[in-house]
Amino acid sequence: MHVTDIVASYKDLLPEPANQYAEIIRLNAPDFHPSVESFSLTEALANPAKSPVLHAMDYRAHFQRFDFENPPSVSVWAMSQPRNLP
C-alpha cells in the first residue's frame, strides 16, 4: 500500500497542507523502535507509483503550511472623527 492509496489528492487533507514535507513514523520490529521517513507530498501526489510504501503499524504525519512558513500578518489602522452632537 502506498501513501497515495490513502491520500489521493489535496482534498483528502485539511486546508492548506505543507506540500514540501510529510512524515511516516515507522515502528520497527522486534523492539518497535521508531524511525522517521520524510517525503514530499507534492512529489508523491504527482507520481503515485513512486510514493512511499506503507507497512503495518506506520503512522503518517501531515503538517499545515504555517508550520514551515510565517503566517500572514494583517494590520488595520483607522482614525475616527469626533461626532458633532447637537
PDB file of N, CA and C in Angstrom:
ATOM      1  N   MET A   1       0.849  -1.168   0.000  1.00  0.00           N
ATOM      2  CA  MET A   1       0.000   0.000   0.000  1.00  0.00           C
ATOM      3  C   MET A   1       0.898   1.236   0.000  1.00  0.00           C
ATOM      4  N   HIS A   2       0.552   2.173  -0.854  1.00  0.00           N
ATOM      5  CA  HIS A   2       1.302   3.420  -0.960  1.00  0.00           C
ATOM      6  C   HIS A   2       0.553   4.545  -0.245  1.00  0.00           C
ATOM      7  N   VAL A   3       1.254   5.630  -0.017  1.00  0.00           N
ATOM      8  CA  VAL A   3       0.642   6.808   0.610  1.00  0.00           C
ATOM      9  C   VAL A   3      -0.521   7.319  -0.233  1.00  0.00           C
ATOM     10  N   THR A   4      -0.378   7.265  -1.546  1.00  0.00           N
ATOM     11  CA  THR A   4      -1.431   7.788  -2.418  1.00  0.00           C
ATOM     12  C   THR A   4      -2.672   6.908  -2.456  1.00  0.00           C
ATOM     13  N   ASP A   5      -2.611   5.706  -1.888  1.00  0.00           N
ATOM     14  CA  ASP A   5      -3.821   4.900  -1.756  1.00  0.00           C
ATOM     15  C   ASP A   5      -4.732   5.472  -0.671  1.00  0.00           C
ATOM     16  N   ILE A   6      -4.163   6.194   0.264  1.00  0.00           N
ATOM     17  CA  ILE A   6      -4.930   6.810   1.349  1.00  0.00           C
ATOM     18  C   ILE A   6      -5.211   8.279   1.052  1.00  0.00           C
ATOM     19  N   VAL A   7      -4.192   8.978   0.565  1.00  0.00           N
ATOM     20  CA  VAL A   7      -4.328  10.399   0.227  1.00  0.00           C
ATOM     21  C   VAL A   7      -4.245  10.504  -1.288  1.00  0.00           C
ATOM     22  N   ALA A   8      -5.387  10.584  -1.945  1.00  0.00           N
ATOM     23  CA  ALA A   8      -5.405  10.619  -3.405  1.00  0.00           C
ATOM     24  C   ALA A   8      -5.228  12.029  -3.964  1.00  0.00           C
ATOM     25  N   SER A   9      -5.622  13.043  -3.177  1.00  0.00           N
ATOM     26  CA  SER A   9      -5.490  14.425  -3.636  1.00  0.00           C
ATOM     27  C   SER A   9      -5.424  15.340  -2.420  1.00  0.00           C
ATOM     28  N   TYR A  10      -5.224  16.615  -2.686  1.00  0.00           N
ATOM     29  CA  TYR A  10      -5.165  17.594  -1.600  1.00  0.00           C
ATOM     30  C   TYR A  10      -6.512  17.739  -0.898  1.00  0.00           C
ATOM     31  N   LYS A  11      -7.600  17.353  -1.562  1.00  0.00           N
ATOM     32  CA  LYS A  11      -8.926  17.454  -0.952  1.00  0.00           C
ATOM     33  C   LYS A  11      -9.082  16.490   0.225  1.00  0.00           C
ATOM     34  N   ASP A  12      -8.245  15.456   0.298  1.00  0.00           N
ATOM     35  CA  ASP A  12      -8.315  14.492   1.389  1.00  0.00           C
ATOM     36  C   ASP A  12      -7.646  14.996   2.665  1.00  0.00           C
ATOM     37  N   LEU A  13      -6.966  16.127   2.587  1.00  0.00           N
ATOM     38  CA  LEU A  13      -6.240  16.674   3.731  1.00  0.00           C
ATOM     39  C   LEU A  13      -6.930  17.923   4.247  1.00  0.00           C
ATOM     40  N   LEU A  14      -6.513  18.357   5.403  1.00  0.00           N
ATOM     41  CA  LEU A  14      -7.030  19.594   5.960  1.00  0.00           C
ATOM     42  C   LEU A  14      -6.655  20.767   5.061  1.00  0.00           C
ATOM     43  N   PRO A  15      -7.291  21.910   5.233  1.00  0.00           N
ATOM     44  CA  PRO A  15      -6.941  23.060   4.402  1.00  0.00           C
ATOM     45  C   PRO A  15      -5.475  23.466   4.572  1.00  0.00           C
ATOM     46  N   GLU A  16      -4.878  23.826   3.471  1.00  0.00           N
ATOM     47  CA  GLU A  16      -3.514  24.343   3.400  1.00  0.00           C
ATOM     48  C   GLU A  16      -2.467  23.395   3.996  1.00  0.00           C
ATOM     49  N   PRO A  17      -2.310  22.193   3.422  1.00  0.00           N
ATOM     50  CA  PRO A  17      -1.258  21.301   3.920  1.00  0.00           C
ATOM     51  C   PRO A  17       0.118  21.780   3.479  1.00  0.00           C
ATOM     52  N   ALA A  18       1.142  21.370   4.204  1.00  0.00           N
ATOM     53  CA  ALA A  18       2.518  21.662   3.796  1.00  0.00           C
ATOM     54  C   ALA A  18       2.856  20.731   2.642  1.00  0.00           C
ATOM     55  N   ASN A  19       3.095  21.284   1.480  1.00  0.00           N
ATOM     56  CA  ASN A  19       3.319  20.475   0.281  1.00  0.00           C
ATOM     57  C   ASN A  19       4.687  19.824   0.250  1.00  0.00           C
ATOM     58  N   GLN A  20       5.672  20.470   0.856  1.00  0.00           N
ATOM     59  CA  GLN A  20       7.041  20.008   0.696  1.00  0.00           C
ATOM     60  C   GLN A  20       7.473  18.987   1.744  1.00  0.00           C
ATOM     61  N   TYR A  21       6.639  18.749   2.770  1.00  0.00           N
ATOM     62  CA  TYR A  21       7.122  17.873   3.840  1.00  0.00           C
ATOM     63  C   TYR A  21       5.980  17.106   4.499  1.00  0.00           C
ATOM     64  N   ALA A  22       6.168  15.813   4.631  1.00  0.00           N
ATOM     65  CA  ALA A  22       5.288  14.937   5.412  1.00  0.00           C
ATOM     66  C   ALA A  22       6.165  13.821   5.958  1.00  0.00           C
ATOM     67  N   GLU A  23       5.677  13.108   6.943  1.00  0.00           N
ATOM     68  CA  GLU A  23       6.484  12.079   7.592  1.00  0.00           C
ATOM     69  C   GLU A  23       5.712  10.770   7.689  1.00  0.00           C
ATOM     70  N   ILE A  24       6.482   9.691   7.660  1.00  0.00           N
ATOM     71  CA  ILE A  24       5.980   8.376   8.028  1.00  0.00           C
ATOM     72  C   ILE A  24       6.795   7.948   9.238  1.00  0.00           C
ATOM     73  N   ILE A  25       6.122   7.707  10.350  1.00  0.00           N
ATOM     74  CA  ILE A  25       6.790   7.225  11.558  1.00  0.00           C
ATOM     75  C   ILE A  25       6.554   5.720  11.603  1.00  0.00           C
ATOM     76  N   ARG A  26       7.620   4.977  11.495  1.00  0.00           N
ATOM     77  CA  ARG A  26       7.545   3.523  11.374  1.00  0.00           C
ATOM     78  C   ARG A  26       8.077   2.871  12.642  1.00  0.00           C
ATOM     79  N   LEU A  27       7.322   1.925  13.177  1.00  0.00           N
ATOM     80  CA  LEU A  27       7.766   1.131  14.324  1.00  0.00           C
ATOM     81  C   LEU A  27       8.408  -0.143  13.793  1.00  0.00           C
ATOM     82  N   ASN A  28       9.695  -0.316  14.094  1.00  0.00           N
ATOM     83  CA  ASN A  28      10.474  -1.427  13.551  1.00  0.00           C
ATOM     84  C   ASN A  28      10.547  -2.580  14.551  1.00  0.00           C
ATOM     85  N   ALA A  29      10.367  -3.782  14.029  1.00  0.00           N
ATOM     86  CA  ALA A  29      10.467  -4.991  14.856  1.00  0.00           C
ATOM     87  C   ALA A  29      11.926  -5.260  15.173  1.00  0.00           C
ATOM     88  N   PRO A  30      12.307  -5.968  16.180  1.00  0.00           N
ATOM     89  CA  PRO A  30      11.485  -6.661  17.167  1.00  0.00           C
ATOM     90  C   PRO A  30      11.151  -5.808  18.387  1.00  0.00           C
ATOM     91  N   ASP A  31      11.871  -4.697  18.584  1.00  0.00           N
ATOM     92  CA  ASP A  31      11.639  -3.902  19.807  1.00  0.00           C
ATOM     93  C   ASP A  31      10.770  -2.669  19.559  1.00  0.00           C
ATOM     94  N   PHE A  32      10.265  -2.522  18.344  1.00  0.00           N
ATOM     95  CA  PHE A  32       9.374  -1.429  17.966  1.00  0.00           C
ATOM     96  C   PHE A  32       9.993  -0.049  18.177  1.00  0.00           C
ATOM     97  N   HIS A  33      11.284   0.072  17.849  1.00  0.00           N
ATOM     98  CA  HIS A  33      11.909   1.388  17.904  1.00  0.00           C
ATOM     99  C   HIS A  33      11.445   2.196  16.695  1.00  0.00           C
ATOM    100  N   PRO A  34      11.157   3.485  16.893  1.00  0.00           N
ATOM    101  CA  PRO A  34      10.626   4.297  15.797  1.00  0.00           C
ATOM    102  C   PRO A  34      11.724   4.811  14.868  1.00  0.00           C
ATOM    103  N   SER A  35      11.381   4.912  13.607  1.00  0.00           N
ATOM    104  CA  SER A  35      12.233   5.584  12.636  1.00  0.00           C
ATOM    105  C   SER A  35      11.327   6.498  11.813  1.00  0.00           C
ATOM    106  N   VAL A  36      11.895   7.588  11.338  1.00  0.00           N
ATOM    107  CA  VAL A  36      11.121   8.600  10.623  1.00  0.00           C
ATOM    108  C   VAL A  36      11.607   8.679   9.189  1.00  0.00           C
ATOM    109  N   GLU A  37      10.667   8.590   8.261  1.00  0.00           N
ATOM    110  CA  GLU A  37      10.958   8.752   6.840  1.00  0.00           C
ATOM    111  C   GLU A  37      10.180   9.965   6.359  1.00  0.00           C
ATOM    112  N   SER A  38      10.884  10.946   5.842  1.00  0.00           N
ATOM    113  CA  SER A  38      10.211  12.147   5.347  1.00  0.00           C
ATOM    114  C   SER A  38      10.065  12.052   3.831  1.00  0.00           C
ATOM    115  N   PHE A  39       9.039  12.725   3.307  1.00  0.00           N
ATOM    116  CA  PHE A  39       8.811  12.735   1.870  1.00  0.00           C
ATOM    117  C   PHE A  39       8.083  14.009   1.485  1.00  0.00           C
ATOM    118  N   SER A  40       8.135  14.321   0.213  1.00  0.00           N
ATOM    119  CA  SER A  40       7.447  15.492  -0.329  1.00  0.00           C
ATOM    120  C   SER A  40       6.050  15.069  -0.761  1.00  0.00           C
ATOM    121  N   LEU A  41       5.065  15.713  -0.218  1.00  0.00           N
ATOM    122  CA  LEU A  41       3.681  15.395  -0.559  1.00  0.00           C
ATOM    123  C   LEU A  41       3.385  15.743  -2.021  1.00  0.00           C
ATOM    124  N   THR A  42       3.973  16.811  -2.525  1.00  0.00           N
ATOM    125  CA  THR A  42       3.777  17.207  -3.913  1.00  0.00           C
ATOM    126  C   THR A  42       4.301  16.138  -4.871  1.00  0.00           C
ATOM    127  N   GLU A  43       5.495  15.633  -4.596  1.00  0.00           N
ATOM    128  CA  GLU A  43       6.077  14.604  -5.463  1.00  0.00           C
ATOM    129  C   GLU A  43       5.304  13.291  -5.365  1.00  0.00           C
ATOM    130  N   ALA A  44       4.829  12.958  -4.185  1.00  0.00           N
ATOM    131  CA  ALA A  44       4.072  11.714  -4.017  1.00  0.00           C
ATOM    132  C   ALA A  44       2.755  11.759  -4.779  1.00  0.00           C
ATOM    133  N   LEU A  45       2.072  12.903  -4.760  1.00  0.00           N
ATOM    134  CA  LEU A  45       0.803  13.008  -5.476  1.00  0.00           C
ATOM    135  C   LEU A  45       1.012  13.144  -6.987  1.00  0.00           C
ATOM    136  N   ALA A  46       2.141  13.698  -7.386  1.00  0.00           N
ATOM    137  CA  ALA A  46       2.418  13.840  -8.814  1.00  0.00           C
ATOM    138  C   ALA A  46       2.742  12.495  -9.461  1.00  0.00           C
ATOM    139  N   ASN A  47       3.414  11.608  -8.735  1.00  0.00           N
ATOM    140  CA  ASN A  47       3.795  10.304  -9.267  1.00  0.00           C
ATOM    141  C   ASN A  47       3.410   9.227  -8.245  1.00  0.00           C
ATOM    142  N   PRO A  48       2.166   8.739  -8.278  1.00  0.00           N
ATOM    143  CA  PRO A  48       1.708   7.775  -7.269  1.00  0.00           C
ATOM    144  C   PRO A  48       2.499   6.469  -7.236  1.00  0.00           C
ATOM    145  N   ALA A  49       3.076   6.061  -8.353  1.00  0.00           N
ATOM    146  CA  ALA A  49       3.835   4.808  -8.373  1.00  0.00           C
ATOM    147  C   ALA A  49       5.121   4.914  -7.551  1.00  0.00           C
ATOM    148  N   LYS A  50       5.646   6.124  -7.416  1.00  0.00           N
ATOM    149  CA  LYS A  50       6.890   6.319  -6.656  1.00  0.00           C
ATOM    150  C   LYS A  50       6.645   6.888  -5.261  1.00  0.00           C
ATOM    151  N   SER A  51       5.395   6.924  -4.832  1.00  0.00           N
ATOM    152  CA  SER A  51       5.115   7.425  -3.478  1.00  0.00           C
ATOM    153  C   SER A  51       5.598   6.392  -2.451  1.00  0.00           C
ATOM    154  N   PRO A  52       5.885   6.822  -1.234  1.00  0.00           N
ATOM    155  CA  PRO A  52       6.410   5.900  -0.222  1.00  0.00           C
ATOM    156  C   PRO A  52       5.436   4.758   0.079  1.00  0.00           C
ATOM    157  N   VAL A  53       6.018   3.613   0.369  1.00  0.00           N
ATOM    158  CA  VAL A  53       5.235   2.423   0.698  1.00  0.00           C
ATOM    159  C   VAL A  53       4.948   2.422   2.192  1.00  0.00           C
ATOM    160  N   LEU A  54       3.721   2.080   2.538  1.00  0.00           N
ATOM    161  CA  LEU A  54       3.324   1.980   3.945  1.00  0.00           C
ATOM    162  C   LEU A  54       3.382   0.528   4.398  1.00  0.00           C
ATOM    163  N   HIS A  55       3.841   0.325   5.629  1.00  0.00           N
ATOM    164  CA  HIS A  55       3.898  -1.002   6.239  1.00  0.00           C
ATOM    165  C   HIS A  55       2.929  -1.039   7.415  1.00  0.00           C
ATOM    166  N   ALA A  56       2.790  -2.210   8.000  1.00  0.00           N
ATOM    167  CA  ALA A  56       1.940  -2.345   9.182  1.00  0.00           C
ATOM    168  C   ALA A  56       2.500  -1.491  10.313  1.00  0.00           C
ATOM    169  N   MET A  57       1.625  -0.862  11.074  1.00  0.00           N
ATOM    170  CA  MET A  57       1.967  -0.035  12.237  1.00  0.00           C
ATOM    171  C   MET A  57       2.692   1.259  11.866  1.00  0.00           C
ATOM    172  N   ASP A  58       2.510   1.735  10.642  1.00  0.00           N
ATOM    173  CA  ASP A  58       3.055   3.039  10.245  1.00  0.00           C
ATOM    174  C   ASP A  58       2.088   4.139  10.645  1.00  0.00           C
ATOM    175  N   TYR A  59       2.645   5.289  10.941  1.00  0.00           N
ATOM    176  CA  TYR A  59       1.852   6.464  11.296  1.00  0.00           C
ATOM    177  C   TYR A  59       2.234   7.577  10.347  1.00  0.00           C
ATOM    178  N   ARG A  60       1.257   8.163   9.671  1.00  0.00           N
ATOM    179  CA  ARG A  60       1.519   9.274   8.764  1.00  0.00           C
ATOM    180  C   ARG A  60       1.333  10.584   9.509  1.00  0.00           C
ATOM    181  N   ALA A  61       2.207  11.518   9.283  1.00  0.00           N
ATOM    182  CA  ALA A  61       2.088  12.851   9.877  1.00  0.00           C
ATOM    183  C   ALA A  61       2.133  13.880   8.759  1.00  0.00           C
ATOM    184  N   HIS A  62       1.045  14.621   8.621  1.00  0.00           N
ATOM    185  CA  HIS A  62       0.974  15.717   7.657  1.00  0.00           C
ATOM    186  C   HIS A  62       0.908  17.009   8.455  1.00  0.00           C
ATOM    187  N   PHE A  63       1.526  18.029   7.935  1.00  0.00           N
ATOM    188  CA  PHE A  63       1.633  19.292   8.650  1.00  0.00           C
ATOM    189  C   PHE A  63       0.899  20.389   7.897  1.00  0.00           C
ATOM    190  N   GLN A  64       0.580  21.452   8.616  1.00  0.00           N
ATOM    191  CA  GLN A  64      -0.024  22.615   7.981  1.00  0.00           C
ATOM    192  C   GLN A  64       1.051  23.461   7.334  1.00  0.00           C
ATOM    193  N   ARG A  65       0.628  24.254   6.383  1.00  0.00           N
ATOM    194  CA  ARG A  65       1.564  25.124   5.676  1.00  0.00           C
ATOM    195  C   ARG A  65       2.278  26.067   6.631  1.00  0.00           C
ATOM    196  N   PHE A  66       1.565  26.553   7.628  1.00  0.00           N
ATOM    197  CA  PHE A  66       2.149  27.554   8.528  1.00  0.00           C
ATOM    198  C   PHE A  66       3.053  26.944   9.593  1.00  0.00           C
ATOM    199  N   ASP A  67       3.219  25.611   9.601  1.00  0.00           N
ATOM    200  CA  ASP A  67       4.247  25.000  10.446  1.00  0.00           C
ATOM    201  C   ASP A  67       5.640  25.283   9.895  1.00  0.00           C
ATOM    202  N   PHE A  68       5.721  25.607   8.604  1.00  0.00           N
ATOM    203  CA  PHE A  68       7.008  25.848   7.959  1.00  0.00           C
ATOM    204  C   PHE A  68       7.148  27.252   7.395  1.00  0.00           C
ATOM    205  N   GLU A  69       6.081  28.037   7.417  1.00  0.00           N
ATOM    206  CA  GLU A  69       6.107  29.406   6.919  1.00  0.00           C
ATOM    207  C   GLU A  69       5.569  30.332   8.004  1.00  0.00           C
ATOM    208  N   ASN A  70       5.918  31.573   7.902  1.00  0.00           N
ATOM    209  CA  ASN A  70       5.343  32.548   8.821  1.00  0.00           C
ATOM    210  C   ASN A  70       3.901  32.825   8.397  1.00  0.00           C
ATOM    211  N   PRO A  71       2.997  32.827   9.350  1.00  0.00           N
ATOM    212  CA  PRO A  71       1.610  33.133   8.977  1.00  0.00           C
ATOM    213  C   PRO A  71       1.489  34.592   8.536  1.00  0.00           C
ATOM    214  N   PRO A  72       0.553  34.871   7.676  1.00  0.00           N
ATOM    215  CA  PRO A  72       0.392  36.252   7.229  1.00  0.00           C
ATOM    216  C   PRO A  72      -0.062  37.138   8.383  1.00  0.00           C
ATOM    217  N   SER A  73       0.424  38.349   8.379  1.00  0.00           N
ATOM    218  CA  SER A  73       0.002  39.287   9.417  1.00  0.00           C
ATOM    219  C   SER A  73      -0.839  40.378   8.768  1.00  0.00           C
ATOM    220  N   VAL A  74      -1.832  40.797   9.480  1.00  0.00           N
ATOM    221  CA  VAL A  74      -2.753  41.812   8.976  1.00  0.00           C
ATOM    222  C   VAL A  74      -2.849  42.911  10.017  1.00  0.00           C
ATOM    223  N   SER A  75      -2.743  44.121   9.578  1.00  0.00           N
ATOM    224  CA  SER A  75      -2.898  45.271  10.466  1.00  0.00           C
ATOM    225  C   SER A  75      -4.004  46.160   9.907  1.00  0.00           C
ATOM    226  N   VAL A  76      -4.819  46.644  10.794  1.00  0.00           N
ATOM    227  CA  VAL A  76      -5.889  47.557  10.405  1.00  0.00           C
ATOM    228  C   VAL A  76      -5.705  48.831  11.210  1.00  0.00           C
ATOM    229  N   TRP A  77      -5.512  49.921  10.499  1.00  0.00           N
ATOM    230  CA  TRP A  77      -5.335  51.225  11.135  1.00  0.00           C
ATOM    231  C   TRP A  77      -6.490  52.115  10.708  1.00  0.00           C
ATOM    232  N   ALA A  78      -7.051  52.817  11.648  1.00  0.00           N
ATOM    233  CA  ALA A  78      -8.147  53.714  11.313  1.00  0.00           C
ATOM    234  C   ALA A  78      -8.125  54.905  12.257  1.00  0.00           C
ATOM    235  N   MET A  79      -8.680  55.985  11.771  1.00  0.00           N
ATOM    236  CA  MET A  79      -8.837  57.163  12.599  1.00  0.00           C
ATOM    237  C   MET A  79     -10.322  57.456  12.674  1.00  0.00           C
ATOM    238  N   SER A  80     -10.738  57.939  13.794  1.00  0.00           N
ATOM    239  CA  SER A  80     -12.155  58.289  13.922  1.00  0.00           C
ATOM    240  C   SER A  80     -12.261  59.786  14.126  1.00  0.00           C
ATOM    241  N   GLN A  81     -13.318  60.343  13.634  1.00  0.00           N
ATOM    242  CA  GLN A  81     -13.568  61.772  13.779  1.00  0.00           C
ATOM    243  C   GLN A  81     -14.551  61.952  14.941  1.00  0.00           C
ATOM    244  N   PRO A  82     -14.379  62.989  15.709  1.00  0.00           N
ATOM    245  CA  PRO A  82     -15.342  63.210  16.782  1.00  0.00           C
ATOM    246  C   PRO A  82     -16.719  63.552  16.199  1.00  0.00           C
ATOM    247  N   ARG A  83     -17.726  63.058  16.836  1.00  0.00           N
ATOM    248  CA  ARG A  83     -19.093  63.319  16.360  1.00  0.00           C
ATOM    249  C   ARG A  83     -19.540  64.699  16.790  1.00  0.00           C
ATOM    250  N   ASN A  84     -20.196  65.382  15.907  1.00  0.00           N
ATOM    251  CA  ASN A  84     -20.756  66.682  16.229  1.00  0.00           C
ATOM    252  C   ASN A  84     -22.166  66.459  16.762  1.00  0.00           C
ATOM    253  N   LEU A  85     -22.299  66.531  18.053  1.00  0.00           N
ATOM    254  CA  LEU A  85     -23.612  66.325  18.673  1.00  0.00           C
ATOM    255  C   LEU A  85     -24.347  67.645  18.754  1.00  0.00           C
ATOM    256  N   PRO A  86     -25.679  67.638  18.551  1.00  0.00           N
ATOM    257  CA  PRO A  86     -26.439  68.924  18.626  1.00  0.00           C
ATOM    258  C   PRO A  86     -26.573  69.448  20.020  1.00  0.00           C
TER     259      PRO A  86
END
